Amino acid sequence: MLFSRTAIHEFYTLCYLNHAENETLLSSPAVAKALGIPQDQAATVLQSLNHTGLVQSSRGHRGEYQLTKQLDEISVVDVLDVIKPPENDACLRPTTCHRDPTRMFTL
């Protein structure tokens, strides 16, 4: 499976936010600089992740962000849903396919 550039930026953004110290809020320019991506792309990714509840933002003109969950509680499907939720995602959900979320990548 090939991931879009946006999906890759989302994965790296989540990892970067995960490595930030607890309660540390990071701005989109700081994320962009750390990941080496354009600021507008970082802002778009962070806003999308915020809209779906994977990150939360603070009020203000800087729009600083932090994770809402631990990284190990976020699945690949959660991240991919940020880009475009599938029309029929029942077969993509680990709990539906395998009845066991720990078997997400095993056949």
C-alpha atoms as a PDB file:
ATOM      1  CA  MET A   1       0.000   0.000   0.000  1.00  0.00           C
ATOM      2  CA  LEU A   2       1.309   3.415  -0.928  1.00  0.00           C
ATOM      3  CA  PHE A   3       0.530   6.372   1.300  1.00  0.00           C
ATOM      4  CA  SER A   4      -0.085   9.884   0.034  1.00  0.00           C
ATOM      5  CA  ARG A   5       2.288  12.677   0.982  1.00  0.00           C
ATOM      6  CA  THR A   6      -0.403  14.093   3.270  1.00  0.00           C
ATOM      7  CA  ALA A   7      -0.738  10.761   5.104  1.00  0.00           C
ATOM      8  CA  ILE A   8       3.026  10.568   5.564  1.00  0.00           C
ATOM      9  CA  HIS A   9       3.057  14.123   6.933  1.00  0.00           C
ATOM     10  CA  GLU A  10       0.271  13.148   9.340  1.00  0.00           C
ATOM     11  CA  PHE A  11       2.222  10.135  10.614  1.00  0.00           C
ATOM     12  CA  TYR A  12       5.388  12.195  11.123  1.00  0.00           C
ATOM     13  CA  THR A  13       3.416  15.013  12.775  1.00  0.00           C
ATOM     14  CA  LEU A  14       1.842  12.618  15.257  1.00  0.00           C
ATOM     15  CA  CYS A  15       5.242  11.101  16.027  1.00  0.00           C
ATOM     16  CA  TYR A  16       6.801  14.533  16.494  1.00  0.00           C
ATOM     17  CA  LEU A  17       3.997  15.658  18.815  1.00  0.00           C
ATOM     18  CA  ASN A  18       4.360  12.393  20.717  1.00  0.00           C
ATOM     19  CA  HIS A  19       8.038  13.095  21.410  1.00  0.00           C
ATOM     20  CA  ALA A  20       7.299  16.568  22.759  1.00  0.00           C
ATOM     21  CA  GLU A  21       7.384  16.879  26.509  1.00  0.00           C
ATOM     22  CA  ASN A  22       4.065  16.367  28.303  1.00  0.00           C
ATOM     23  CA  GLU A  23       1.803  19.411  28.168  1.00  0.00           C
ATOM     24  CA  THR A  24       4.065  21.049  25.559  1.00  0.00           C
ATOM     25  CA  LEU A  25       2.142  22.890  22.866  1.00  0.00           C
ATOM     26  CA  LEU A  26       3.801  23.185  19.469  1.00  0.00           C
ATOM     27  CA  SER A  27       2.946  25.682  16.737  1.00  0.00           C
ATOM     28  CA  SER A  28       2.502  24.730  13.103  1.00  0.00           C
ATOM     29  CA  PRO A  29       5.649  26.702  12.092  1.00  0.00           C
ATOM     30  CA  ALA A  30       7.657  24.755  14.689  1.00  0.00           C
ATOM     31  CA  VAL A  31       6.273  21.443  13.389  1.00  0.00           C
ATOM     32  CA  ALA A  32       6.963  22.484   9.784  1.00  0.00           C
ATOM     33  CA  LYS A  33      10.548  23.422  10.584  1.00  0.00           C
ATOM     34  CA  ALA A  34      11.213  20.238  12.554  1.00  0.00           C
ATOM     35  CA  LEU A  35       9.783  17.998   9.830  1.00  0.00           C
ATOM     36  CA  GLY A  36      11.124  19.970   6.883  1.00  0.00           C
ATOM     37  CA  ILE A  37       7.715  20.492   5.287  1.00  0.00           C
ATOM     38  CA  PRO A  38       6.045  23.698   4.064  1.00  0.00           C
ATOM     39  CA  GLN A  39       4.285  25.725   6.766  1.00  0.00           C
ATOM     40  CA  ASP A  40       0.966  25.693   4.927  1.00  0.00           C
ATOM     41  CA  GLN A  41       1.106  21.884   4.688  1.00  0.00           C
ATOM     42  CA  ALA A  42       1.882  21.588   8.413  1.00  0.00           C
ATOM     43  CA  ALA A  43      -1.002  23.938   9.244  1.00  0.00           C
ATOM     44  CA  THR A  44      -3.399  21.940   7.049  1.00  0.00           C
ATOM     45  CA  VAL A  45      -2.324  18.615   8.568  1.00  0.00           C
ATOM     46  CA  LEU A  46      -2.609  19.944  12.124  1.00  0.00           C
ATOM     47  CA  GLN A  47      -6.026  21.453  11.466  1.00  0.00           C
ATOM     48  CA  SER A  48      -7.259  18.145  10.002  1.00  0.00           C
ATOM     49  CA  LEU A  49      -5.873  16.173  12.944  1.00  0.00           C
ATOM     50  CA  ASN A  50      -7.496  18.691  15.293  1.00  0.00           C
ATOM     51  CA  HIS A  51     -10.844  18.428  13.501  1.00  0.00           C
ATOM     52  CA  THR A  52     -10.887  14.640  13.977  1.00  0.00           C
ATOM     53  CA  GLY A  53      -9.813  14.861  17.620  1.00  0.00           C
ATOM     54  CA  LEU A  54      -6.372  13.251  17.341  1.00  0.00           C
ATOM     55  CA  VAL A  55      -4.753  16.517  18.442  1.00  0.00           C
ATOM     56  CA  GLN A  56      -6.090  19.538  20.270  1.00  0.00           C
ATOM     57  CA  SER A  57      -5.239  23.146  19.697  1.00  0.00           C
ATOM     58  CA  SER A  58      -5.013  26.118  21.984  1.00  0.00           C
ATOM     59  CA  ARG A  59      -6.817  29.342  21.295  1.00  0.00           C
ATOM     60  CA  GLY A  60      -4.890  32.231  19.875  1.00  0.00           C
ATOM     61  CA  HIS A  61      -3.156  33.394  16.728  1.00  0.00           C
ATOM     62  CA  ARG A  62      -0.331  30.836  16.978  1.00  0.00           C
ATOM     63  CA  GLY A  63      -2.624  27.807  17.103  1.00  0.00           C
ATOM     64  CA  GLU A  64      -0.435  25.516  19.157  1.00  0.00           C
ATOM     65  CA  TYR A  65      -1.154  21.778  19.218  1.00  0.00           C
ATOM     66  CA  GLN A  66      -0.659  18.641  21.305  1.00  0.00           C
ATOM     67  CA  LEU A  67      -1.825  15.014  21.123  1.00  0.00           C
ATOM     68  CA  THR A  68      -5.127  14.080  22.743  1.00  0.00           C
ATOM     69  CA  LYS A  69      -4.159  10.396  23.134  1.00  0.00           C
ATOM     70  CA  GLN A  70      -1.021   8.377  23.537  1.00  0.00           C
ATOM     71  CA  LEU A  71       0.469   7.446  20.169  1.00  0.00           C
ATOM     72  CA  ASP A  72      -0.018   3.726  20.832  1.00  0.00           C
ATOM     73  CA  GLU A  73      -3.785   4.368  21.107  1.00  0.00           C
ATOM     74  CA  ILE A  74      -3.978   5.760  17.548  1.00  0.00           C
ATOM     75  CA  SER A  75      -4.356   3.270  14.697  1.00  0.00           C
ATOM     76  CA  VAL A  76      -3.227   3.601  11.101  1.00  0.00           C
ATOM     77  CA  VAL A  77      -6.907   3.610  10.108  1.00  0.00           C
ATOM     78  CA  ASP A  78      -7.521   6.610  12.403  1.00  0.00           C
ATOM     79  CA  VAL A  79      -4.791   8.557  10.606  1.00  0.00           C
ATOM     80  CA  LEU A  80      -5.962   7.564   7.141  1.00  0.00           C
ATOM     81  CA  ASP A  81      -9.532   8.574   8.052  1.00  0.00           C
ATOM     82  CA  VAL A  82      -8.282  12.144   8.487  1.00  0.00           C
ATOM     83  CA  ILE A  83      -7.567  12.357   4.757  1.00  0.00           C
ATOM     84  CA  LYS A  84     -10.709  10.754   3.392  1.00  0.00           C
ATOM     85  CA  PRO A  85     -12.875   8.324   5.305  1.00  0.00           C
ATOM     86  CA  PRO A  86     -13.745   5.373   3.088  1.00  0.00           C
ATOM     87  CA  GLU A  87     -17.359   5.095   1.954  1.00  0.00           C
ATOM     88  CA  ASN A  88     -17.570   1.503   3.149  1.00  0.00           C
ATOM     89  CA  ASP A  89     -15.047   1.170   5.929  1.00  0.00           C
ATOM     90  CA  ALA A  90     -16.566  -1.857   7.654  1.00  0.00           C
ATOM     91  CA  CYS A  91     -14.003  -4.218   6.151  1.00  0.00           C
ATOM     92  CA  LEU A  92     -11.114  -1.893   7.012  1.00  0.00           C
ATOM     93  CA  ARG A  93     -11.771  -1.743  10.740  1.00  0.00           C
ATOM     94  CA  PRO A  94      -9.650  -4.207  12.708  1.00  0.00           C
ATOM     95  CA  THR A  95     -12.477  -4.886  15.149  1.00  0.00           C
ATOM     96  CA  THR A  96     -14.788  -5.782  12.270  1.00  0.00           C
ATOM     97  CA  CYS A  97     -12.318  -7.793  10.215  1.00  0.00           C
ATOM     98  CA  HIS A  98     -10.673  -9.764  12.993  1.00  0.00           C
ATOM     99  CA  ARG A  99     -12.777  -8.960  16.057  1.00  0.00           C
ATOM    100  CA  ASP A 100      -9.438  -8.301  17.716  1.00  0.00           C
ATOM    101  CA  PRO A 101      -7.686  -4.929  17.274  1.00  0.00           C
ATOM    102  CA  THR A 102      -4.315  -6.446  18.213  1.00  0.00           C
ATOM    103  CA  ARG A 103      -4.452  -8.517  15.011  1.00  0.00           C
ATOM    104  CA  MET A 104      -4.666  -5.456  12.798  1.00  0.00           C
ATOM    105  CA  PHE A 105      -1.714  -6.389  10.614  1.00  0.00           C
ATOM    106  CA  THR A 106      -1.827 -10.163  10.888  1.00  0.00           C
ATOM    107  CA  LEU A 107      -3.741 -12.405   8.529  1.00  0.00           C
END
